[in-house]
Amino acid sequence: MDLLDVLKPLLLMETEENVQAQDSTVQEEEVLETSEEEVLETSNEEGNDESDELAKAKELAQNYKIRAEKAEKLAKLSKVAPVSKPAPTAGELSTKDIYSLMEAKVPEGDIEKVQDIAKLKGISVSEALKLPLTKQILADENEQRNTASAANVGGSKRGSSKVSDGSLVSEADKGNMPENDADLDRLWKLRKGIS
C-alpha cells in the first residue's frame, strides 16, 4: 500500500469539510433572502404609497445586487482549490533539492518516494528529507536492499572445466563415458591416435 493511498482519504475529508462550510453559508444567505422578501411583502400591503414602493424596489434591487456579488465570490472560491506551496514534480527539482538528495545519499529508486511525501505535505524535497517519516522510510528501504543483497551472496553456478586427455581416457576405460559431444569426439580421436 502506497503512502498516497493512505493519505488520500484524509485529504478528501478536509475537502468535504470545506464544501460543507460553504454550503452552510449559502443556506444562511437563502434564509436571509426569504426573510427579506417576507418583510417587503408585508410592507407593500401596509403602505400603498408609490414613493414607498419605489424606495423598497430600489432597496430590493440593491439587496439582489449584493447577494449576486456574494454568490459570484462564493462560486469562485468553490472552484479554486486551496492554495498551497506547489510541490516539485519529477523533472522540476530545484538545485537545493538535488543537493539535499545527494547530501542524504538517497538512492535513485527512493527519490520518487521522497517527492511523494513532499507533495503530500506541500513542502520542498529538502524539507521532506528532514521529516522523521521520510528518514524511517529511507532506512527501511535501505535495510531491504541490504537483506536482498546478502541473500544473493550464495554460490554461483560454475562453468564446466575441460577434462584432461588422460582422465578422459581413464574414465572411459572404467565405463564412464563423457556426456557431451565434444568430449566424445576427443575420446574417439585419442583412441584412434588422431590429434
N, C-alpha and C. Protein backbone atom coordinates (compact mmCIF):
# COMPACT_ATOMS: atom_id res chain seq x y z
N MET A 1 0.86 -1.18 0.00
CA MET A 1 0.00 0.00 0.00
C MET A 1 0.90 1.23 0.00
N ASP A 2 0.68 2.12 -0.92
CA ASP A 2 1.49 3.32 -1.04
C ASP A 2 1.10 4.34 0.01
N LEU A 3 1.99 5.25 0.24
CA LEU A 3 1.74 6.34 1.17
C LEU A 3 0.61 7.22 0.65
N LEU A 4 0.54 7.37 -0.67
CA LEU A 4 -0.52 8.17 -1.26
C LEU A 4 -1.89 7.57 -0.97
N ASP A 5 -1.99 6.24 -1.03
CA ASP A 5 -3.26 5.59 -0.76
C ASP A 5 -3.71 5.84 0.67
N VAL A 6 -2.78 5.94 1.59
CA VAL A 6 -3.12 6.15 2.99
C VAL A 6 -3.57 7.59 3.24
N LEU A 7 -2.91 8.53 2.59
CA LEU A 7 -3.18 9.93 2.88
C LEU A 7 -4.31 10.52 2.04
N LYS A 8 -4.70 9.89 0.94
CA LYS A 8 -5.78 10.43 0.10
C LYS A 8 -7.09 10.57 0.86
N PRO A 9 -7.52 9.58 1.66
CA PRO A 9 -8.79 9.77 2.40
C PRO A 9 -8.75 10.96 3.34
N LEU A 10 -7.60 11.22 3.95
CA LEU A 10 -7.50 12.36 4.85
C LEU A 10 -7.67 13.68 4.10
N LEU A 11 -7.06 13.76 2.92
CA LEU A 11 -7.18 14.97 2.13
C LEU A 11 -8.60 15.14 1.63
N LEU A 12 -9.26 14.06 1.26
CA LEU A 12 -10.64 14.14 0.80
C LEU A 12 -11.56 14.61 1.92
N MET A 13 -11.29 14.18 3.17
CA MET A 13 -12.11 14.59 4.30
C MET A 13 -12.02 16.10 4.51
N GLU A 14 -10.79 16.64 4.38
CA GLU A 14 -10.62 18.07 4.54
C GLU A 14 -11.38 18.83 3.46
N THR A 15 -11.34 18.34 2.23
CA THR A 15 -12.04 18.98 1.13
C THR A 15 -13.54 18.96 1.36
N GLU A 16 -14.07 17.84 1.86
CA GLU A 16 -15.50 17.73 2.12
C GLU A 16 -15.92 18.70 3.23
N GLU A 17 -15.08 18.90 4.23
CA GLU A 17 -15.40 19.84 5.30
C GLU A 17 -15.50 21.26 4.75
N ASN A 18 -14.59 21.61 3.82
CA ASN A 18 -14.65 22.95 3.21
C ASN A 18 -15.93 23.13 2.42
N VAL A 19 -16.34 22.11 1.68
CA VAL A 19 -17.57 22.20 0.89
C VAL A 19 -18.78 22.33 1.81
N GLN A 20 -18.79 21.59 2.92
CA GLN A 20 -19.91 21.67 3.86
C GLN A 20 -19.99 23.07 4.48
N ALA A 21 -18.85 23.66 4.79
CA ALA A 21 -18.84 25.01 5.35
C ALA A 21 -19.40 26.01 4.35
N GLN A 22 -19.04 25.83 3.07
CA GLN A 22 -19.55 26.73 2.04
C GLN A 22 -21.05 26.53 1.85
N ASP A 23 -21.53 25.29 1.93
CA ASP A 23 -22.96 25.01 1.79
C ASP A 23 -23.75 25.68 2.91
N SER A 24 -23.21 25.64 4.13
CA SER A 24 -23.93 26.28 5.24
C SER A 24 -24.02 27.78 5.04
N THR A 25 -22.99 28.39 4.44
CA THR A 25 -23.02 29.82 4.15
C THR A 25 -24.10 30.13 3.13
N VAL A 26 -24.22 29.30 2.12
CA VAL A 26 -25.24 29.50 1.09
C VAL A 26 -26.63 29.37 1.71
N GLN A 27 -26.82 28.40 2.61
CA GLN A 27 -28.11 28.20 3.25
C GLN A 27 -28.48 29.42 4.10
N GLU A 28 -27.51 30.00 4.80
CA GLU A 28 -27.77 31.19 5.60
C GLU A 28 -28.21 32.35 4.71
N GLU A 29 -27.57 32.48 3.53
CA GLU A 29 -27.95 33.55 2.62
C GLU A 29 -29.37 33.33 2.09
N GLU A 30 -29.76 32.07 1.87
CA GLU A 30 -31.11 31.78 1.39
C GLU A 30 -32.14 32.15 2.46
N VAL A 31 -31.82 31.86 3.72
CA VAL A 31 -32.73 32.23 4.80
C VAL A 31 -32.89 33.74 4.86
N LEU A 32 -31.78 34.47 4.69
CA LEU A 32 -31.85 35.94 4.69
C LEU A 32 -32.71 36.43 3.53
N GLU A 33 -32.57 35.78 2.36
CA GLU A 33 -33.35 36.20 1.19
C GLU A 33 -34.83 36.06 1.46
N THR A 34 -35.23 34.90 1.99
CA THR A 34 -36.65 34.68 2.22
C THR A 34 -37.20 35.63 3.27
N SER A 35 -36.44 35.91 4.32
CA SER A 35 -36.94 36.82 5.35
C SER A 35 -37.07 38.24 4.80
N GLU A 36 -36.15 38.65 3.92
CA GLU A 36 -36.24 39.99 3.32
C GLU A 36 -37.47 40.10 2.42
N GLU A 37 -37.74 39.03 1.68
CA GLU A 37 -38.89 39.05 0.78
C GLU A 37 -40.19 39.13 1.58
N GLU A 38 -40.26 38.42 2.70
CA GLU A 38 -41.46 38.46 3.53
C GLU A 38 -41.69 39.86 4.11
N VAL A 39 -40.62 40.51 4.54
CA VAL A 39 -40.73 41.87 5.09
C VAL A 39 -41.23 42.82 4.01
N LEU A 40 -40.68 42.67 2.79
CA LEU A 40 -41.09 43.56 1.71
C LEU A 40 -42.55 43.35 1.34
N GLU A 41 -43.00 42.10 1.34
CA GLU A 41 -44.39 41.81 1.00
C GLU A 41 -45.34 42.43 2.03
N THR A 42 -45.01 42.26 3.29
CA THR A 42 -45.88 42.82 4.34
C THR A 42 -45.88 44.33 4.31
N SER A 43 -44.72 44.91 4.02
CA SER A 43 -44.66 46.37 3.99
C SER A 43 -45.40 46.91 2.77
N ASN A 44 -45.39 46.17 1.66
CA ASN A 44 -46.12 46.60 0.47
C ASN A 44 -47.63 46.60 0.73
N GLU A 45 -48.10 45.68 1.51
CA GLU A 45 -49.52 45.62 1.81
C GLU A 45 -49.94 46.79 2.70
N GLU A 46 -49.08 47.20 3.59
CA GLU A 46 -49.42 48.27 4.53
C GLU A 46 -49.40 49.64 3.86
N GLY A 47 -48.35 49.92 3.12
CA GLY A 47 -48.23 51.25 2.53
C GLY A 47 -48.42 51.18 1.03
N ASN A 48 -49.41 51.87 0.52
CA ASN A 48 -49.66 51.86 -0.91
C ASN A 48 -49.06 53.06 -1.60
N ASP A 49 -48.33 53.78 -0.90
CA ASP A 49 -47.74 54.99 -1.44
C ASP A 49 -46.70 54.62 -2.49
N GLU A 50 -46.71 55.29 -3.63
CA GLU A 50 -45.79 54.98 -4.72
C GLU A 50 -44.34 55.26 -4.34
N SER A 51 -44.11 56.29 -3.55
CA SER A 51 -42.73 56.61 -3.16
C SER A 51 -42.17 55.51 -2.25
N ASP A 52 -43.03 54.96 -1.39
CA ASP A 52 -42.57 53.85 -0.56
C ASP A 52 -42.24 52.63 -1.42
N GLU A 53 -43.09 52.39 -2.40
CA GLU A 53 -42.85 51.25 -3.28
C GLU A 53 -41.57 51.43 -4.08
N LEU A 54 -41.35 52.64 -4.55
CA LEU A 54 -40.15 52.93 -5.31
C LEU A 54 -38.91 52.77 -4.45
N ALA A 55 -38.95 53.25 -3.22
CA ALA A 55 -37.82 53.12 -2.31
C ALA A 55 -37.55 51.66 -1.98
N LYS A 56 -38.63 50.92 -1.79
CA LYS A 56 -38.48 49.50 -1.48
C LYS A 56 -37.95 48.73 -2.69
N ALA A 57 -38.38 49.10 -3.86
CA ALA A 57 -37.89 48.44 -5.08
C ALA A 57 -36.39 48.70 -5.25
N LYS A 58 -35.98 49.94 -4.97
CA LYS A 58 -34.55 50.26 -5.05
C LYS A 58 -33.76 49.47 -4.01
N GLU A 59 -34.32 49.38 -2.82
CA GLU A 59 -33.65 48.62 -1.75
C GLU A 59 -33.56 47.14 -2.12
N LEU A 60 -34.63 46.63 -2.67
CA LEU A 60 -34.65 45.24 -3.09
C LEU A 60 -33.62 44.98 -4.20
N ALA A 61 -33.56 45.91 -5.14
CA ALA A 61 -32.58 45.78 -6.22
C ALA A 61 -31.15 45.80 -5.67
N GLN A 62 -30.93 46.67 -4.70
CA GLN A 62 -29.60 46.74 -4.08
C GLN A 62 -29.27 45.44 -3.35
N ASN A 63 -30.26 44.87 -2.64
CA ASN A 63 -30.05 43.59 -1.95
C ASN A 63 -29.74 42.47 -2.93
N TYR A 64 -30.48 42.45 -4.06
CA TYR A 64 -30.22 41.43 -5.07
C TYR A 64 -28.80 41.56 -5.63
N LYS A 65 -28.38 42.80 -5.82
CA LYS A 65 -27.03 43.04 -6.34
C LYS A 65 -25.97 42.52 -5.36
N ILE A 66 -26.16 42.82 -4.08
CA ILE A 66 -25.22 42.38 -3.05
C ILE A 66 -25.19 40.85 -2.98
N ARG A 67 -26.36 40.24 -3.01
CA ARG A 67 -26.42 38.77 -2.96
C ARG A 67 -25.77 38.15 -4.18
N ALA A 68 -25.96 38.74 -5.34
CA ALA A 68 -25.35 38.22 -6.57
C ALA A 68 -23.83 38.31 -6.48
N GLU A 69 -23.33 39.41 -5.96
CA GLU A 69 -21.87 39.55 -5.80
C GLU A 69 -21.33 38.51 -4.84
N LYS A 70 -22.05 38.29 -3.72
CA LYS A 70 -21.62 37.28 -2.77
C LYS A 70 -21.63 35.89 -3.40
N ALA A 71 -22.66 35.60 -4.17
CA ALA A 71 -22.76 34.29 -4.83
C ALA A 71 -21.62 34.10 -5.82
N GLU A 72 -21.27 35.15 -6.56
CA GLU A 72 -20.15 35.05 -7.50
C GLU A 72 -18.84 34.77 -6.77
N LYS A 73 -18.62 35.48 -5.66
CA LYS A 73 -17.40 35.26 -4.89
C LYS A 73 -17.36 33.84 -4.35
N LEU A 74 -18.50 33.36 -3.86
CA LEU A 74 -18.58 32.00 -3.33
C LEU A 74 -18.32 30.97 -4.44
N ALA A 75 -18.86 31.22 -5.62
CA ALA A 75 -18.65 30.31 -6.74
C ALA A 75 -17.17 30.27 -7.13
N LYS A 76 -16.55 31.43 -7.12
CA LYS A 76 -15.12 31.47 -7.44
C LYS A 76 -14.30 30.74 -6.39
N LEU A 77 -14.66 30.90 -5.12
CA LEU A 77 -13.94 30.21 -4.05
C LEU A 77 -14.11 28.71 -4.13
N SER A 78 -15.29 28.25 -4.50
CA SER A 78 -15.52 26.81 -4.57
C SER A 78 -14.78 26.19 -5.75
N LYS A 79 -14.57 26.95 -6.82
CA LYS A 79 -13.84 26.44 -7.98
C LYS A 79 -12.34 26.41 -7.73
N VAL A 80 -11.85 27.35 -6.96
CA VAL A 80 -10.41 27.45 -6.71
C VAL A 80 -10.05 26.48 -5.58
N ALA A 81 -9.08 25.62 -5.84
CA ALA A 81 -8.61 24.68 -4.82
C ALA A 81 -7.80 25.44 -3.78
N PRO A 82 -7.68 24.88 -2.59
CA PRO A 82 -6.86 25.54 -1.58
C PRO A 82 -5.43 25.73 -2.10
N VAL A 83 -4.92 26.92 -1.94
CA VAL A 83 -3.61 27.24 -2.46
C VAL A 83 -2.55 26.77 -1.47
N SER A 84 -1.65 25.95 -1.97
CA SER A 84 -0.54 25.50 -1.14
C SER A 84 0.73 25.67 -1.95
N LYS A 85 1.82 25.49 -1.29
CA LYS A 85 3.10 25.62 -1.95
C LYS A 85 3.18 24.53 -3.04
N PRO A 86 3.46 24.90 -4.27
CA PRO A 86 3.49 23.89 -5.33
C PRO A 86 4.58 22.86 -5.06
N ALA A 87 4.20 21.61 -5.14
CA ALA A 87 5.16 20.54 -4.91
C ALA A 87 5.96 20.31 -6.18
N PRO A 88 7.23 20.05 -6.04
CA PRO A 88 8.04 19.82 -7.22
C PRO A 88 7.66 18.50 -7.88
N THR A 89 7.74 18.48 -9.19
CA THR A 89 7.48 17.25 -9.93
C THR A 89 8.80 16.62 -10.30
N ALA A 90 8.72 15.46 -10.95
CA ALA A 90 9.92 14.67 -11.23
C ALA A 90 10.98 15.47 -11.98
N GLY A 91 10.58 16.25 -12.96
CA GLY A 91 11.55 16.98 -13.76
C GLY A 91 11.87 18.36 -13.23
N GLU A 92 11.22 18.77 -12.16
CA GLU A 92 11.36 20.13 -11.68
C GLU A 92 11.98 20.21 -10.28
N LEU A 93 13.00 19.46 -10.04
CA LEU A 93 13.68 19.54 -8.75
C LEU A 93 14.55 20.78 -8.74
N SER A 94 14.49 21.51 -7.65
CA SER A 94 15.32 22.70 -7.55
C SER A 94 16.76 22.26 -7.26
N THR A 95 17.66 23.18 -7.43
CA THR A 95 19.07 22.88 -7.17
C THR A 95 19.27 22.51 -5.71
N LYS A 96 18.56 23.20 -4.84
CA LYS A 96 18.64 22.91 -3.40
C LYS A 96 18.15 21.49 -3.11
N ASP A 97 17.05 21.09 -3.78
CA ASP A 97 16.52 19.75 -3.58
C ASP A 97 17.48 18.67 -4.07
N ILE A 98 18.06 18.91 -5.23
CA ILE A 98 19.03 17.94 -5.79
C ILE A 98 20.23 17.81 -4.86
N TYR A 99 20.71 18.94 -4.38
CA TYR A 99 21.86 18.91 -3.47
C TYR A 99 21.49 18.17 -2.18
N SER A 100 20.28 18.42 -1.67
CA SER A 100 19.84 17.74 -0.44
C SER A 100 19.74 16.23 -0.64
N LEU A 101 19.23 15.82 -1.80
CA LEU A 101 19.13 14.38 -2.10
C LEU A 101 20.51 13.74 -2.20
N MET A 102 21.45 14.47 -2.80
CA MET A 102 22.82 13.95 -2.91
C MET A 102 23.48 13.90 -1.54
N GLU A 103 23.26 14.93 -0.74
CA GLU A 103 23.85 15.01 0.59
C GLU A 103 23.34 13.87 1.48
N ALA A 104 22.04 13.55 1.34
CA ALA A 104 21.44 12.49 2.14
C ALA A 104 21.73 11.10 1.54
N LYS A 105 22.40 11.08 0.40
CA LYS A 105 22.74 9.84 -0.31
C LYS A 105 21.51 8.97 -0.54
N VAL A 106 20.47 9.61 -1.06
CA VAL A 106 19.22 8.91 -1.36
C VAL A 106 19.40 8.16 -2.67
N PRO A 107 19.16 6.84 -2.66
CA PRO A 107 19.28 6.07 -3.90
C PRO A 107 18.25 6.53 -4.94
N GLU A 108 18.56 6.31 -6.18
CA GLU A 108 17.71 6.79 -7.27
C GLU A 108 16.29 6.23 -7.16
N GLY A 109 16.15 4.99 -6.74
CA GLY A 109 14.84 4.38 -6.62
C GLY A 109 13.97 4.99 -5.52
N ASP A 110 14.57 5.66 -4.56
CA ASP A 110 13.82 6.23 -3.44
C ASP A 110 13.49 7.71 -3.63
N ILE A 111 14.02 8.33 -4.66
CA ILE A 111 13.78 9.76 -4.88
C ILE A 111 12.29 10.01 -5.09
N GLU A 112 11.62 9.13 -5.82
CA GLU A 112 10.19 9.31 -6.07
C GLU A 112 9.39 9.25 -4.77
N LYS A 113 9.79 8.40 -3.85
CA LYS A 113 9.09 8.31 -2.56
C LYS A 113 9.24 9.61 -1.78
N VAL A 114 10.42 10.18 -1.80
CA VAL A 114 10.65 11.45 -1.10
C VAL A 114 9.81 12.55 -1.75
N GLN A 115 9.73 12.54 -3.08
CA GLN A 115 8.93 13.54 -3.78
C GLN A 115 7.45 13.39 -3.44
N ASP A 116 6.97 12.14 -3.33
CA ASP A 116 5.57 11.92 -2.97
C ASP A 116 5.27 12.49 -1.59
N ILE A 117 6.16 12.27 -0.65
CA ILE A 117 5.96 12.79 0.71
C ILE A 117 5.94 14.32 0.67
N ALA A 118 6.87 14.90 -0.07
CA ALA A 118 6.93 16.37 -0.17
C ALA A 118 5.64 16.91 -0.80
N LYS A 119 5.15 16.22 -1.80
CA LYS A 119 3.93 16.65 -2.49
C LYS A 119 2.73 16.58 -1.55
N LEU A 120 2.63 15.49 -0.79
CA LEU A 120 1.50 15.35 0.13
C LEU A 120 1.54 16.38 1.25
N LYS A 121 2.73 16.68 1.74
CA LYS A 121 2.86 17.65 2.82
C LYS A 121 2.84 19.09 2.31
N GLY A 122 3.06 19.27 1.01
CA GLY A 122 3.10 20.62 0.44
C GLY A 122 4.38 21.36 0.81
N ILE A 123 5.47 20.62 0.91
CA ILE A 123 6.76 21.21 1.27
C ILE A 123 7.79 20.83 0.21
N SER A 124 8.98 21.40 0.32
CA SER A 124 10.03 21.09 -0.64
C SER A 124 10.66 19.74 -0.29
N VAL A 125 11.40 19.20 -1.25
CA VAL A 125 12.04 17.90 -1.06
C VAL A 125 13.08 17.98 0.06
N SER A 126 13.80 19.08 0.12
CA SER A 126 14.83 19.21 1.17
C SER A 126 14.19 19.24 2.56
N GLU A 127 13.00 19.84 2.67
CA GLU A 127 12.30 19.85 3.96
C GLU A 127 11.74 18.46 4.27
N ALA A 128 11.29 17.75 3.23
CA ALA A 128 10.74 16.40 3.42
C ALA A 128 11.82 15.44 3.90
N LEU A 129 13.06 15.66 3.48
CA LEU A 129 14.16 14.79 3.92
C LEU A 129 14.42 14.91 5.41
N LYS A 130 14.03 16.02 6.01
CA LYS A 130 14.26 16.24 7.44
C LYS A 130 13.18 15.60 8.31
N LEU A 131 12.07 15.18 7.71
CA LEU A 131 10.97 14.59 8.48
C LEU A 131 11.34 13.19 8.98
N PRO A 132 10.94 12.84 10.19
CA PRO A 132 11.21 11.50 10.72
C PRO A 132 10.57 10.40 9.88
N LEU A 133 9.39 10.68 9.33
CA LEU A 133 8.71 9.70 8.48
C LEU A 133 9.56 9.35 7.27
N THR A 134 10.11 10.36 6.63
CA THR A 134 10.94 10.14 5.45
C THR A 134 12.20 9.38 5.82
N LYS A 135 12.81 9.77 6.93
CA LYS A 135 14.03 9.08 7.37
C LYS A 135 13.75 7.61 7.63
N GLN A 136 12.61 7.31 8.25
CA GLN A 136 12.27 5.92 8.55
C GLN A 136 12.02 5.13 7.26
N ILE A 137 11.32 5.72 6.31
CA ILE A 137 11.04 5.04 5.04
C ILE A 137 12.35 4.75 4.32
N LEU A 138 13.25 5.72 4.27
CA LEU A 138 14.54 5.51 3.60
C LEU A 138 15.37 4.44 4.30
N ALA A 139 15.32 4.42 5.64
CA ALA A 139 16.06 3.41 6.39
C ALA A 139 15.50 2.01 6.11
N ASP A 140 14.17 1.90 6.06
CA ASP A 140 13.54 0.61 5.75
C ASP A 140 13.91 0.11 4.36
N GLU A 141 13.88 1.02 3.39
CA GLU A 141 14.25 0.64 2.02
C GLU A 141 15.70 0.20 1.94
N ASN A 142 16.57 0.91 2.65
CA ASN A 142 17.99 0.56 2.65
C ASN A 142 18.19 -0.81 3.28
N GLU A 143 17.47 -1.09 4.37
CA GLU A 143 17.57 -2.39 5.03
C GLU A 143 17.09 -3.51 4.10
N GLN A 144 16.02 -3.26 3.37
CA GLN A 144 15.52 -4.26 2.43
C GLN A 144 16.55 -4.55 1.33
N ARG A 145 17.18 -3.49 0.84
CA ARG A 145 18.22 -3.69 -0.19
C ARG A 145 19.39 -4.49 0.36
N ASN A 146 19.83 -4.18 1.60
CA ASN A 146 20.94 -4.90 2.20
C ASN A 146 20.59 -6.37 2.43
N THR A 147 19.37 -6.63 2.86
CA THR A 147 18.93 -8.00 3.08
C THR A 147 18.90 -8.77 1.77
N ALA A 148 18.40 -8.14 0.72
CA ALA A 148 18.33 -8.80 -0.58
C ALA A 148 19.72 -9.10 -1.14
N SER A 149 20.64 -8.17 -0.97
CA SER A 149 21.99 -8.42 -1.49
C SER A 149 22.70 -9.49 -0.67
N ALA A 150 22.42 -9.56 0.65
CA ALA A 150 23.02 -10.61 1.48
C ALA A 150 22.45 -11.98 1.11
N ALA A 151 21.20 -12.03 0.73
CA ALA A 151 20.58 -13.29 0.34
C ALA A 151 21.14 -13.79 -0.99
N ASN A 152 21.63 -12.92 -1.82
CA ASN A 152 22.16 -13.30 -3.14
C ASN A 152 23.64 -13.65 -3.11
N VAL A 153 24.25 -13.73 -1.94
CA VAL A 153 25.69 -13.99 -1.83
C VAL A 153 26.01 -15.46 -2.10
N GLY A 154 25.04 -16.35 -2.00
CA GLY A 154 25.24 -17.79 -2.16
C GLY A 154 26.07 -18.15 -3.37
N GLY A 155 26.48 -19.41 -3.42
CA GLY A 155 27.36 -19.86 -4.50
C GLY A 155 26.74 -19.65 -5.86
N SER A 156 27.56 -19.26 -6.77
CA SER A 156 27.08 -19.08 -8.13
C SER A 156 27.42 -20.33 -8.94
N LYS A 157 26.73 -20.52 -10.02
CA LYS A 157 26.94 -21.69 -10.87
C LYS A 157 28.29 -21.54 -11.58
N ARG A 158 29.06 -22.59 -11.46
CA ARG A 158 30.38 -22.55 -12.07
C ARG A 158 30.34 -23.16 -13.45
N GLY A 159 31.16 -22.65 -14.29
CA GLY A 159 31.24 -23.18 -15.65
C GLY A 159 31.95 -24.54 -15.64
N SER A 160 31.73 -25.32 -16.67
CA SER A 160 32.38 -26.64 -16.73
C SER A 160 33.84 -26.45 -17.15
N SER A 161 34.68 -27.27 -16.53
CA SER A 161 36.09 -27.19 -16.88
C SER A 161 36.41 -28.31 -17.88
N LYS A 162 37.45 -28.12 -18.62
CA LYS A 162 37.84 -29.10 -19.62
C LYS A 162 38.59 -30.24 -18.94
N VAL A 163 38.14 -31.43 -19.24
CA VAL A 163 38.74 -32.62 -18.66
C VAL A 163 40.02 -32.93 -19.45
N SER A 164 41.08 -33.30 -18.72
CA SER A 164 42.34 -33.61 -19.40
C SER A 164 42.19 -34.88 -20.23
N ASP A 165 43.09 -35.03 -21.19
CA ASP A 165 43.02 -36.19 -22.09
C ASP A 165 43.21 -37.49 -21.31
N GLY A 166 44.14 -37.51 -20.38
CA GLY A 166 44.42 -38.73 -19.61
C GLY A 166 43.23 -39.14 -18.76
N SER A 167 42.60 -38.18 -18.09
CA SER A 167 41.46 -38.53 -17.25
C SER A 167 40.25 -38.93 -18.11
N LEU A 168 40.14 -38.36 -19.30
CA LEU A 168 39.06 -38.71 -20.20
C LEU A 168 39.16 -40.17 -20.62
N VAL A 169 40.39 -40.60 -20.98
CA VAL A 169 40.63 -41.99 -21.41
C VAL A 169 40.46 -42.94 -20.23
N SER A 170 41.01 -42.58 -19.05
CA SER A 170 40.91 -43.48 -17.90
C SER A 170 39.46 -43.65 -17.44
N GLU A 171 38.65 -42.59 -17.48
CA GLU A 171 37.24 -42.68 -17.11
C GLU A 171 36.48 -43.53 -18.12
N ALA A 172 36.84 -43.43 -19.41
CA ALA A 172 36.18 -44.23 -20.43
C ALA A 172 36.53 -45.70 -20.25
N ASP A 173 37.77 -46.01 -19.83
CA ASP A 173 38.17 -47.39 -19.58
C ASP A 173 37.39 -47.98 -18.41
N LYS A 174 36.98 -47.15 -17.45
CA LYS A 174 36.21 -47.60 -16.30
C LYS A 174 34.72 -47.77 -16.65
N GLY A 175 34.31 -47.27 -17.81
CA GLY A 175 32.92 -47.38 -18.23
C GLY A 175 32.14 -46.08 -18.10
N ASN A 176 32.77 -45.01 -17.64
CA ASN A 176 32.11 -43.70 -17.52
C ASN A 176 32.37 -42.90 -18.78
N MET A 177 31.40 -42.94 -19.66
CA MET A 177 31.57 -42.23 -20.94
C MET A 177 31.24 -40.75 -20.74
N PRO A 178 31.89 -39.86 -21.48
CA PRO A 178 31.61 -38.42 -21.38
C PRO A 178 30.17 -38.12 -21.82
N GLU A 179 29.62 -37.07 -21.24
CA GLU A 179 28.22 -36.73 -21.50
C GLU A 179 28.04 -35.79 -22.68
N ASN A 180 29.02 -35.00 -23.03
CA ASN A 180 28.82 -34.07 -24.13
C ASN A 180 29.54 -34.55 -25.40
N ASP A 181 29.08 -34.03 -26.50
CA ASP A 181 29.58 -34.47 -27.81
C ASP A 181 31.04 -34.11 -28.03
N ALA A 182 31.45 -32.96 -27.54
CA ALA A 182 32.83 -32.53 -27.76
C ALA A 182 33.80 -33.49 -27.08
N ASP A 183 33.48 -33.93 -25.84
CA ASP A 183 34.37 -34.87 -25.15
C ASP A 183 34.33 -36.24 -25.81
N LEU A 184 33.20 -36.66 -26.36
CA LEU A 184 33.12 -37.93 -27.08
C LEU A 184 34.00 -37.91 -28.33
N ASP A 185 33.96 -36.81 -29.06
CA ASP A 185 34.83 -36.66 -30.25
C ASP A 185 36.30 -36.71 -29.86
N ARG A 186 36.62 -36.02 -28.76
CA ARG A 186 38.01 -36.03 -28.30
C ARG A 186 38.45 -37.43 -27.91
N LEU A 187 37.57 -38.16 -27.21
CA LEU A 187 37.90 -39.52 -26.80
C LEU A 187 38.11 -40.41 -28.03
N TRP A 188 37.25 -40.30 -29.01
CA TRP A 188 37.38 -41.11 -30.23
C TRP A 188 38.72 -40.82 -30.93
N LYS A 189 39.06 -39.50 -31.01
CA LYS A 189 40.32 -39.11 -31.66
C LYS A 189 41.52 -39.63 -30.87
N LEU A 190 41.43 -39.61 -29.54
CA LEU A 190 42.52 -40.09 -28.71
C LEU A 190 42.72 -41.60 -28.87
N ARG A 191 41.64 -42.34 -28.99
CA ARG A 191 41.73 -43.78 -29.15
C ARG A 191 42.24 -44.17 -30.54
N LYS A 192 41.89 -43.36 -31.55
CA LYS A 192 42.36 -43.64 -32.90
C LYS A 192 43.77 -43.09 -33.15
N GLY A 193 44.22 -42.27 -32.23
CA GLY A 193 45.54 -41.69 -32.38
C GLY A 193 45.57 -40.49 -33.29
N ILE A 194 44.40 -39.90 -33.49
CA ILE A 194 44.31 -38.71 -34.33
C ILE A 194 44.41 -37.50 -33.43
N SER A 195 45.23 -36.55 -33.83
CA SER A 195 45.38 -35.39 -32.99
C SER A 195 44.46 -34.27 -33.32
